[in-house]
């Protein structure tokens, strides 16, 4: 089964990578691509609200998609993964990079 079909396997590998490459707590950069829709962008913004996150957005050349970058201090790999899962649950059509 590929990682695409098994998100838990993907997150387990990500956790190991994060544990091995960073000292926690640390600043973490999330990147998401969403269809350009103010409501979807606001949902992502809301998920990181009150965390001191720096959020930047940029529309694609044709305006169909928007990239959302979030730089925020996270306490550990589990917290990073939980935010990825929360965004995936709450924002339809999001692509996590």
PDB file of N, CA and C in Angstrom:
ATOM      1  N   UNK A   1       0.851  -1.191   0.000  1.00  0.00           N
ATOM      2  CA  UNK A   1       0.000   0.000   0.000  1.00  0.00           C
ATOM      3  C   UNK A   1       0.889   1.245   0.000  1.00  0.00           C
ATOM      4  N   UNK A   2       0.579   2.177  -0.844  1.00  0.00           N
ATOM      5  CA  UNK A   2       1.400   3.384  -0.946  1.00  0.00           C
ATOM      6  C   UNK A   2       1.038   4.373   0.150  1.00  0.00           C
ATOM      7  N   UNK A   3       1.934   5.346   0.365  1.00  0.00           N
ATOM      8  CA  UNK A   3       1.689   6.380   1.373  1.00  0.00           C
ATOM      9  C   UNK A   3       0.440   7.181   1.038  1.00  0.00           C
ATOM     10  N   UNK A   4       0.167   7.326  -0.254  1.00  0.00           N
ATOM     11  CA  UNK A   4      -1.009   8.078  -0.679  1.00  0.00           C
ATOM     12  C   UNK A   4      -2.284   7.432  -0.150  1.00  0.00           C
ATOM     13  N   UNK A   5      -2.287   6.091  -0.117  1.00  0.00           N
ATOM     14  CA  UNK A   5      -3.446   5.364   0.363  1.00  0.00           C
ATOM     15  C   UNK A   5      -3.427   5.169   1.869  1.00  0.00           C
ATOM     16  N   UNK A   6      -2.308   5.427   2.503  1.00  0.00           N
ATOM     17  CA  UNK A   6      -2.186   5.218   3.936  1.00  0.00           C
ATOM     18  C   UNK A   6      -1.579   6.452   4.593  1.00  0.00           C
ATOM     19  N   UNK A   7      -2.416   7.439   4.913  1.00  0.00           N
ATOM     20  CA  UNK A   7      -1.876   8.666   5.503  1.00  0.00           C
ATOM     21  C   UNK A   7      -1.178   8.433   6.835  1.00  0.00           C
ATOM     22  N   UNK A   8      -1.608   7.438   7.605  1.00  0.00           N
ATOM     23  CA  UNK A   8      -0.960   7.188   8.902  1.00  0.00           C
ATOM     24  C   UNK A   8       0.489   6.770   8.715  1.00  0.00           C
ATOM     25  N   UNK A   9       0.772   6.015   7.665  1.00  0.00           N
ATOM     26  CA  UNK A   9       2.151   5.613   7.368  1.00  0.00           C
ATOM     27  C   UNK A   9       2.978   6.851   7.001  1.00  0.00           C
ATOM     28  N   UNK A  10       2.389   7.737   6.207  1.00  0.00           N
ATOM     29  CA  UNK A  10       3.063   8.983   5.836  1.00  0.00           C
ATOM     30  C   UNK A  10       3.381   9.811   7.079  1.00  0.00           C
ATOM     31  N   UNK A  11       2.393   9.959   7.971  1.00  0.00           N
ATOM     32  CA  UNK A  11       2.600  10.770   9.171  1.00  0.00           C
ATOM     33  C   UNK A  11       3.627  10.133  10.112  1.00  0.00           C
ATOM     34  N   UNK A  12       3.669   8.818  10.171  1.00  0.00           N
ATOM     35  CA  UNK A  12       4.671   8.141  11.011  1.00  0.00           C
ATOM     36  C   UNK A  12       6.079   8.438  10.494  1.00  0.00           C
ATOM     37  N   UNK A  13       6.251   8.397   9.158  1.00  0.00           N
ATOM     38  CA  UNK A  13       7.567   8.716   8.572  1.00  0.00           C
ATOM     39  C   UNK A  13       7.915  10.184   8.806  1.00  0.00           C
ATOM     40  N   UNK A  14       6.923  11.058   8.645  1.00  0.00           N
ATOM     41  CA  UNK A  14       7.156  12.486   8.867  1.00  0.00           C
ATOM     42  C   UNK A  14       7.592  12.742  10.305  1.00  0.00           C
ATOM     43  N   UNK A  15       6.955  12.073  11.257  1.00  0.00           N
ATOM     44  CA  UNK A  15       7.305  12.268  12.668  1.00  0.00           C
ATOM     45  C   UNK A  15       8.766  11.904  12.923  1.00  0.00           C
ATOM     46  N   UNK A  16       9.206  10.792  12.368  1.00  0.00           N
ATOM     47  CA  UNK A  16      10.603  10.373  12.536  1.00  0.00           C
ATOM     48  C   UNK A  16      11.543  11.409  11.924  1.00  0.00           C
ATOM     49  N   UNK A  17      11.198  11.886  10.713  1.00  0.00           N
ATOM     50  CA  UNK A  17      12.037  12.898  10.063  1.00  0.00           C
ATOM     51  C   UNK A  17      12.114  14.167  10.907  1.00  0.00           C
ATOM     52  N   UNK A  18      10.985  14.605  11.432  1.00  0.00           N
ATOM     53  CA  UNK A  18      10.967  15.826  12.246  1.00  0.00           C
ATOM     54  C   UNK A  18      11.775  15.648  13.526  1.00  0.00           C
ATOM     55  N   UNK A  19      11.665  14.485  14.143  1.00  0.00           N
ATOM     56  CA  UNK A  19      12.418  14.220  15.372  1.00  0.00           C
ATOM     57  C   UNK A  19      13.916  14.233  15.111  1.00  0.00           C
ATOM     58  N   UNK A  20      14.313  13.742  13.947  1.00  0.00           N
ATOM     59  CA  UNK A  20      15.737  13.607  13.631  1.00  0.00           C
ATOM     60  C   UNK A  20      16.373  14.874  13.074  1.00  0.00           C
ATOM     61  N   UNK A  21      15.560  15.839  12.626  1.00  0.00           N
ATOM     62  CA  UNK A  21      16.147  17.000  11.955  1.00  0.00           C
ATOM     63  C   UNK A  21      15.959  18.318  12.683  1.00  0.00           C
ATOM     64  N   UNK A  22      15.223  18.316  13.781  1.00  0.00           N
ATOM     65  CA  UNK A  22      14.962  19.591  14.464  1.00  0.00           C
ATOM     66  C   UNK A  22      15.064  19.449  15.971  1.00  0.00           C
ATOM     67  N   UNK A  23      15.408  20.552  16.605  1.00  0.00           N
ATOM     68  CA  UNK A  23      15.357  20.641  18.063  1.00  0.00           C
ATOM     69  C   UNK A  23      14.040  21.323  18.412  1.00  0.00           C
ATOM     70  N   UNK A  24      13.277  20.728  19.285  1.00  0.00           N
ATOM     71  CA  UNK A  24      11.932  21.236  19.594  1.00  0.00           C
ATOM     72  C   UNK A  24      11.911  21.957  20.908  1.00  0.00           C
ATOM     73  N   UNK A  25      11.085  23.005  21.037  1.00  0.00           N
ATOM     74  CA  UNK A  25      10.205  23.603  20.035  1.00  0.00           C
ATOM     75  C   UNK A  25      11.009  24.339  18.956  1.00  0.00           C
ATOM     76  N   UNK A  26      10.401  24.469  17.780  1.00  0.00           N
ATOM     77  CA  UNK A  26      11.063  25.124  16.656  1.00  0.00           C
ATOM     78  C   UNK A  26      10.041  25.780  15.733  1.00  0.00           C
ATOM     79  N   UNK A  27      10.531  26.694  14.909  1.00  0.00           N
ATOM     80  CA  UNK A  27       9.664  27.301  13.895  1.00  0.00           C
ATOM     81  C   UNK A  27       9.472  26.273  12.783  1.00  0.00           C
ATOM     82  N   UNK A  28       8.240  26.144  12.314  1.00  0.00           N
ATOM     83  CA  UNK A  28       7.918  25.182  11.255  1.00  0.00           C
ATOM     84  C   UNK A  28       7.160  25.905  10.152  1.00  0.00           C
ATOM     85  N   UNK A  29       7.491  25.579   8.918  1.00  0.00           N
ATOM     86  CA  UNK A  29       6.837  26.208   7.770  1.00  0.00           C
ATOM     87  C   UNK A  29       5.885  25.217   7.113  1.00  0.00           C
ATOM     88  N   UNK A  30       4.597  25.514   7.209  1.00  0.00           N
ATOM     89  CA  UNK A  30       3.570  24.732   6.514  1.00  0.00           C
ATOM     90  C   UNK A  30       3.340  25.373   5.155  1.00  0.00           C
ATOM     91  N   UNK A  31       3.063  24.542   4.158  1.00  0.00           N
ATOM     92  CA  UNK A  31       2.683  25.057   2.832  1.00  0.00           C
ATOM     93  C   UNK A  31       1.487  24.258   2.346  1.00  0.00           C
ATOM     94  N   UNK A  32       0.478  24.992   1.929  1.00  0.00           N
ATOM     95  CA  UNK A  32      -0.741  24.381   1.412  1.00  0.00           C
ATOM     96  C   UNK A  32      -1.106  25.042   0.088  1.00  0.00           C
ATOM     97  N   UNK A  33      -1.747  24.280  -0.782  1.00  0.00           N
ATOM     98  CA  UNK A  33      -2.318  24.802  -2.016  1.00  0.00           C
ATOM     99  C   UNK A  33      -3.820  24.541  -1.933  1.00  0.00           C
ATOM    100  N   UNK A  34      -4.620  25.576  -2.170  1.00  0.00           N
ATOM    101  CA  UNK A  34      -6.078  25.426  -2.169  1.00  0.00           C
ATOM    102  C   UNK A  34      -6.654  26.108  -3.402  1.00  0.00           C
ATOM    103  N   UNK A  35      -7.808  25.605  -3.872  1.00  0.00           N
ATOM    104  CA  UNK A  35      -8.495  26.355  -4.913  1.00  0.00           C
ATOM    105  C   UNK A  35      -8.783  27.755  -4.364  1.00  0.00           C
ATOM    106  N   UNK A  36      -8.614  28.781  -5.179  1.00  0.00           N
ATOM    107  CA  UNK A  36      -8.805  30.147  -4.710  1.00  0.00           C
ATOM    108  C   UNK A  36     -10.259  30.330  -4.283  1.00  0.00           C
ATOM    109  N   UNK A  37     -10.425  30.422  -2.974  1.00  0.00           N
ATOM    110  CA  UNK A  37     -11.745  30.538  -2.348  1.00  0.00           C
ATOM    111  C   UNK A  37     -11.504  31.168  -0.982  1.00  0.00           C
ATOM    112  N   UNK A  38     -12.026  32.375  -0.774  1.00  0.00           N
ATOM    113  CA  UNK A  38     -11.782  33.109   0.472  1.00  0.00           C
ATOM    114  C   UNK A  38     -12.178  32.299   1.693  1.00  0.00           C
ATOM    115  N   UNK A  39     -13.253  31.538   1.602  1.00  0.00           N
ATOM    116  CA  UNK A  39     -13.717  30.749   2.746  1.00  0.00           C
ATOM    117  C   UNK A  39     -12.705  29.676   3.132  1.00  0.00           C
ATOM    118  N   UNK A  40     -12.104  29.014   2.144  1.00  0.00           N
ATOM    119  CA  UNK A  40     -11.109  27.976   2.426  1.00  0.00           C
ATOM    120  C   UNK A  40      -9.848  28.579   3.034  1.00  0.00           C
ATOM    121  N   UNK A  41      -9.441  29.721   2.515  1.00  0.00           N
ATOM    122  CA  UNK A  41      -8.258  30.390   3.048  1.00  0.00           C
ATOM    123  C   UNK A  41      -8.519  30.849   4.485  1.00  0.00           C
ATOM    124  N   UNK A  42      -9.707  31.353   4.750  1.00  0.00           N
ATOM    125  CA  UNK A  42     -10.076  31.775   6.109  1.00  0.00           C
ATOM    126  C   UNK A  42     -10.102  30.587   7.069  1.00  0.00           C
ATOM    127  N   UNK A  43     -10.541  29.422   6.599  1.00  0.00           N
ATOM    128  CA  UNK A  43     -10.545  28.227   7.461  1.00  0.00           C
ATOM    129  C   UNK A  43      -9.120  27.876   7.880  1.00  0.00           C
ATOM    130  N   UNK A  44      -8.189  27.909   6.923  1.00  0.00           N
ATOM    131  CA  UNK A  44      -6.789  27.619   7.251  1.00  0.00           C
ATOM    132  C   UNK A  44      -6.272  28.659   8.241  1.00  0.00           C
ATOM    133  N   UNK A  45      -6.565  29.927   7.978  1.00  0.00           N
ATOM    134  CA  UNK A  45      -6.162  31.008   8.868  1.00  0.00           C
ATOM    135  C   UNK A  45      -6.692  30.756  10.287  1.00  0.00           C
ATOM    136  N   UNK A  46      -7.938  30.345  10.378  1.00  0.00           N
ATOM    137  CA  UNK A  46      -8.559  30.084  11.677  1.00  0.00           C
ATOM    138  C   UNK A  46      -7.912  28.946  12.443  1.00  0.00           C
ATOM    139  N   UNK A  47      -7.446  27.936  11.730  1.00  0.00           N
ATOM    140  CA  UNK A  47      -6.798  26.792  12.374  1.00  0.00           C
ATOM    141  C   UNK A  47      -5.515  27.214  13.083  1.00  0.00           C
ATOM    142  N   UNK A  48      -4.835  28.221  12.533  1.00  0.00           N
ATOM    143  CA  UNK A  48      -3.574  28.686  13.113  1.00  0.00           C
ATOM    144  C   UNK A  48      -3.751  29.985  13.907  1.00  0.00           C
ATOM    145  N   UNK A  49      -4.992  30.396  14.134  1.00  0.00           N
ATOM    146  CA  UNK A  49      -5.290  31.636  14.851  1.00  0.00           C
ATOM    147  C   UNK A  49      -4.774  31.560  16.290  1.00  0.00           C
ATOM    148  N   UNK A  50      -4.331  32.675  16.810  1.00  0.00           N
ATOM    149  CA  UNK A  50      -3.846  32.799  18.194  1.00  0.00           C
ATOM    150  C   UNK A  50      -2.624  31.939  18.493  1.00  0.00           C
ATOM    151  N   UNK A  51      -1.835  31.634  17.467  1.00  0.00           N
ATOM    152  CA  UNK A  51      -0.606  30.865  17.678  1.00  0.00           C
ATOM    153  C   UNK A  51       0.629  31.694  17.352  1.00  0.00           C
ATOM    154  N   UNK A  52       0.438  32.949  16.978  1.00  0.00           N
ATOM    155  CA  UNK A  52       1.565  33.793  16.588  1.00  0.00           C
ATOM    156  C   UNK A  52       2.097  33.443  15.213  1.00  0.00           C
ATOM    157  N   UNK A  53       1.264  32.839  14.381  1.00  0.00           N
ATOM    158  CA  UNK A  53       1.689  32.414  13.053  1.00  0.00           C
ATOM    159  C   UNK A  53       1.790  33.594  12.095  1.00  0.00           C
ATOM    160  N   UNK A  54       2.776  33.517  11.210  1.00  0.00           N
ATOM    161  CA  UNK A  54       2.900  34.476  10.121  1.00  0.00           C
ATOM    162  C   UNK A  54       2.380  33.770   8.874  1.00  0.00           C
ATOM    163  N   UNK A  55       1.284  34.293   8.318  1.00  0.00           N
ATOM    164  CA  UNK A  55       0.611  33.639   7.200  1.00  0.00           C
ATOM    165  C   UNK A  55       0.711  34.523   5.959  1.00  0.00           C
ATOM    166  N   UNK A  56       1.182  33.922   4.870  1.00  0.00           N
ATOM    167  CA  UNK A  56       1.250  34.647   3.604  1.00  0.00           C
ATOM    168  C   UNK A  56       0.512  33.827   2.542  1.00  0.00           C
ATOM    169  N   UNK A  57      -0.124  34.534   1.625  1.00  0.00           N
ATOM    170  CA  UNK A  57      -0.830  33.866   0.538  1.00  0.00           C
ATOM    171  C   UNK A  57      -0.348  34.419  -0.786  1.00  0.00           C
ATOM    172  N   UNK A  58      -0.452  33.586  -1.818  1.00  0.00           N
ATOM    173  CA  UNK A  58      -0.055  34.011  -3.157  1.00  0.00           C
ATOM    174  C   UNK A  58      -0.882  33.238  -4.176  1.00  0.00           C
ATOM    175  N   UNK A  59      -1.534  33.975  -5.047  1.00  0.00           N
ATOM    176  CA  UNK A  59      -2.352  33.335  -6.084  1.00  0.00           C
ATOM    177  C   UNK A  59      -1.469  32.834  -7.214  1.00  0.00           C
ATOM    178  N   UNK A  60      -1.930  31.754  -7.851  1.00  0.00           N
ATOM    179  CA  UNK A  60      -1.229  31.235  -9.021  1.00  0.00           C
ATOM    180  C   UNK A  60      -1.370  32.225 -10.174  1.00  0.00           C
ATOM    181  N   UNK A  61      -0.606  32.004 -11.210  1.00  0.00           N
ATOM    182  CA  UNK A  61      -0.600  32.917 -12.349  1.00  0.00           C
ATOM    183  C   UNK A  61      -2.006  33.124 -12.928  1.00  0.00           C
ATOM    184  N   UNK A  62      -2.766  32.046 -13.032  1.00  0.00           N
ATOM    185  CA  UNK A  62      -4.114  32.172 -13.588  1.00  0.00           C
ATOM    186  C   UNK A  62      -5.180  32.445 -12.527  1.00  0.00           C
ATOM    187  N   UNK A  63      -4.780  32.487 -11.253  1.00  0.00           N
ATOM    188  CA  UNK A  63      -5.705  32.820 -10.176  1.00  0.00           C
ATOM    189  C   UNK A  63      -6.591  31.680  -9.717  1.00  0.00           C
ATOM    190  N   UNK A  64      -6.397  30.496 -10.283  1.00  0.00           N
ATOM    191  CA  UNK A  64      -7.255  29.362  -9.940  1.00  0.00           C
ATOM    192  C   UNK A  64      -6.910  28.778  -8.560  1.00  0.00           C
ATOM    193  N   UNK A  65      -5.643  28.849  -8.181  1.00  0.00           N
ATOM    194  CA  UNK A  65      -5.193  28.296  -6.907  1.00  0.00           C
ATOM    195  C   UNK A  65      -4.474  29.365  -6.097  1.00  0.00           C
ATOM    196  N   UNK A  66      -4.439  29.150  -4.778  1.00  0.00           N
ATOM    197  CA  UNK A  66      -3.708  30.035  -3.880  1.00  0.00           C
ATOM    198  C   UNK A  66      -2.797  29.191  -3.000  1.00  0.00           C
ATOM    199  N   UNK A  67      -1.543  29.616  -2.889  1.00  0.00           N
ATOM    200  CA  UNK A  67      -0.637  28.949  -1.950  1.00  0.00           C
ATOM    201  C   UNK A  67      -0.712  29.699  -0.629  1.00  0.00           C
ATOM    202  N   UNK A  68      -0.738  28.937   0.438  1.00  0.00           N
ATOM    203  CA  UNK A  68      -0.798  29.498   1.781  1.00  0.00           C
ATOM    204  C   UNK A  68       0.418  28.977   2.536  1.00  0.00           C
ATOM    205  N   UNK A  69       1.278  29.894   2.977  1.00  0.00           N
ATOM    206  CA  UNK A  69       2.463  29.532   3.760  1.00  0.00           C
ATOM    207  C   UNK A  69       2.256  30.028   5.181  1.00  0.00           C
ATOM    208  N   UNK A  70       2.537  29.153   6.136  1.00  0.00           N
ATOM    209  CA  UNK A  70       2.342  29.492   7.542  1.00  0.00           C
ATOM    210  C   UNK A  70       3.619  29.168   8.290  1.00  0.00           C
ATOM    211  N   UNK A  71       4.231  30.191   8.873  1.00  0.00           N
ATOM    212  CA  UNK A  71       5.421  30.004   9.683  1.00  0.00           C
ATOM    213  C   UNK A  71       5.008  30.183  11.135  1.00  0.00           C
ATOM    214  N   UNK A  72       5.177  29.129  11.922  1.00  0.00           N
ATOM    215  CA  UNK A  72       4.685  29.154  13.300  1.00  0.00           C
ATOM    216  C   UNK A  72       5.583  28.289  14.186  1.00  0.00           C
ATOM    217  N   UNK A  73       5.730  28.684  15.429  1.00  0.00           N
ATOM    218  CA  UNK A  73       6.529  27.908  16.378  1.00  0.00           C
ATOM    219  C   UNK A  73       5.676  26.751  16.895  1.00  0.00           C
ATOM    220  N   UNK A  74       6.199  25.545  16.740  1.00  0.00           N
ATOM    221  CA  UNK A  74       5.490  24.343  17.169  1.00  0.00           C
ATOM    222  C   UNK A  74       6.291  23.661  18.265  1.00  0.00           C
ATOM    223  N   UNK A  75       5.575  23.017  19.209  1.00  0.00           N
ATOM    224  CA  UNK A  75       6.268  22.456  20.372  1.00  0.00           C
ATOM    225  C   UNK A  75       6.904  21.098  20.129  1.00  0.00           C
ATOM    226  N   UNK A  76       6.330  20.299  19.196  1.00  0.00           N
ATOM    227  CA  UNK A  76       6.899  18.982  18.927  1.00  0.00           C
ATOM    228  C   UNK A  76       6.332  18.419  17.624  1.00  0.00           C
ATOM    229  N   UNK A  77       6.911  17.312  17.132  1.00  0.00           N
ATOM    230  CA  UNK A  77       6.425  16.726  15.875  1.00  0.00           C
ATOM    231  C   UNK A  77       4.944  16.338  15.915  1.00  0.00           C
ATOM    232  N   UNK A  78       4.463  15.861  17.065  1.00  0.00           N
ATOM    233  CA  UNK A  78       3.049  15.487  17.166  1.00  0.00           C
ATOM    234  C   UNK A  78       2.140  16.687  16.925  1.00  0.00           C
ATOM    235  N   UNK A  79       2.526  17.853  17.417  1.00  0.00           N
ATOM    236  CA  UNK A  79       1.729  19.068  17.217  1.00  0.00           C
ATOM    237  C   UNK A  79       1.722  19.460  15.736  1.00  0.00           C
ATOM    238  N   UNK A  80       2.860  19.295  15.060  1.00  0.00           N
ATOM    239  CA  UNK A  80       2.947  19.595  13.626  1.00  0.00           C
ATOM    240  C   UNK A  80       1.980  18.695  12.856  1.00  0.00           C
ATOM    241  N   UNK A  81       2.022  17.416  13.138  1.00  0.00           N
ATOM    242  CA  UNK A  81       1.183  16.445  12.431  1.00  0.00           C
ATOM    243  C   UNK A  81      -0.292  16.684  12.720  1.00  0.00           C
ATOM    244  N   UNK A  82      -0.627  17.026  13.951  1.00  0.00           N
ATOM    245  CA  UNK A  82      -2.030  17.282  14.291  1.00  0.00           C
ATOM    246  C   UNK A  82      -2.591  18.444  13.478  1.00  0.00           C
ATOM    247  N   UNK A  83      -1.796  19.465  13.247  1.00  0.00           N
ATOM    248  CA  UNK A  83      -2.258  20.599  12.431  1.00  0.00           C
ATOM    249  C   UNK A  83      -2.469  20.180  10.974  1.00  0.00           C
ATOM    250  N   UNK A  84      -1.568  19.343  10.440  1.00  0.00           N
ATOM    251  CA  UNK A  84      -1.775  18.837   9.078  1.00  0.00           C
ATOM    252  C   UNK A  84      -3.107  18.082   8.997  1.00  0.00           C
ATOM    253  N   UNK A  85      -3.366  17.236   9.979  1.00  0.00           N
ATOM    254  CA  UNK A  85      -4.600  16.445   9.985  1.00  0.00           C
ATOM    255  C   UNK A  85      -5.828  17.343  10.118  1.00  0.00           C
ATOM    256  N   UNK A  86      -5.730  18.359  10.956  1.00  0.00           N
ATOM    257  CA  UNK A  86      -6.856  19.272  11.148  1.00  0.00           C
ATOM    258  C   UNK A  86      -7.182  20.019   9.860  1.00  0.00           C
ATOM    259  N   UNK A  87      -6.154  20.505   9.172  1.00  0.00           N
ATOM    260  CA  UNK A  87      -6.379  21.198   7.898  1.00  0.00           C
ATOM    261  C   UNK A  87      -7.016  20.240   6.889  1.00  0.00           C
ATOM    262  N   UNK A  88      -6.519  19.014   6.807  1.00  0.00           N
ATOM    263  CA  UNK A  88      -7.064  18.039   5.863  1.00  0.00           C
ATOM    264  C   UNK A  88      -8.537  17.732   6.163  1.00  0.00           C
ATOM    265  N   UNK A  89      -8.894  17.678   7.452  1.00  0.00           N
ATOM    266  CA  UNK A  89     -10.280  17.400   7.845  1.00  0.00           C
ATOM    267  C   UNK A  89     -11.208  18.554   7.531  1.00  0.00           C
ATOM    268  N   UNK A  90     -10.743  19.779   7.732  1.00  0.00           N
ATOM    269  CA  UNK A  90     -11.626  20.952   7.688  1.00  0.00           C
ATOM    270  C   UNK A  90     -11.666  21.680   6.348  1.00  0.00           C
ATOM    271  N   UNK A  91     -10.662  21.490   5.501  1.00  0.00           N
ATOM    272  CA  UNK A  91     -10.581  22.255   4.256  1.00  0.00           C
ATOM    273  C   UNK A  91     -10.593  21.307   3.069  1.00  0.00           C
ATOM    274  N   UNK A  92     -11.703  21.292   2.369  1.00  0.00           N
ATOM    275  CA  UNK A  92     -11.869  20.399   1.224  1.00  0.00           C
ATOM    276  C   UNK A  92     -10.985  20.864   0.065  1.00  0.00           C
ATOM    277  N   UNK A  93     -10.319  19.915  -0.577  1.00  0.00           N
ATOM    278  CA  UNK A  93      -9.520  20.208  -1.754  1.00  0.00           C
ATOM    279  C   UNK A  93      -8.117  20.729  -1.466  1.00  0.00           C
ATOM    280  N   UNK A  94      -7.713  20.740  -0.197  1.00  0.00           N
ATOM    281  CA  UNK A  94      -6.387  21.252   0.151  1.00  0.00           C
ATOM    282  C   UNK A  94      -5.307  20.230  -0.224  1.00  0.00           C
ATOM    283  N   UNK A  95      -4.171  20.746  -0.646  1.00  0.00           N
ATOM    284  CA  UNK A  95      -2.985  19.917  -0.915  1.00  0.00           C
ATOM    285  C   UNK A  95      -1.915  20.378   0.058  1.00  0.00           C
ATOM    286  N   UNK A  96      -1.387  19.450   0.845  1.00  0.00           N
ATOM    287  CA  UNK A  96      -0.322  19.770   1.787  1.00  0.00           C
ATOM    288  C   UNK A  96       1.023  19.479   1.125  1.00  0.00           C
ATOM    289  N   UNK A  97       1.937  20.426   1.226  1.00  0.00           N
ATOM    290  CA  UNK A  97       3.271  20.245   0.646  1.00  0.00           C
ATOM    291  C   UNK A  97       4.286  20.029   1.751  1.00  0.00           C
TER     292      UNK A  97
END
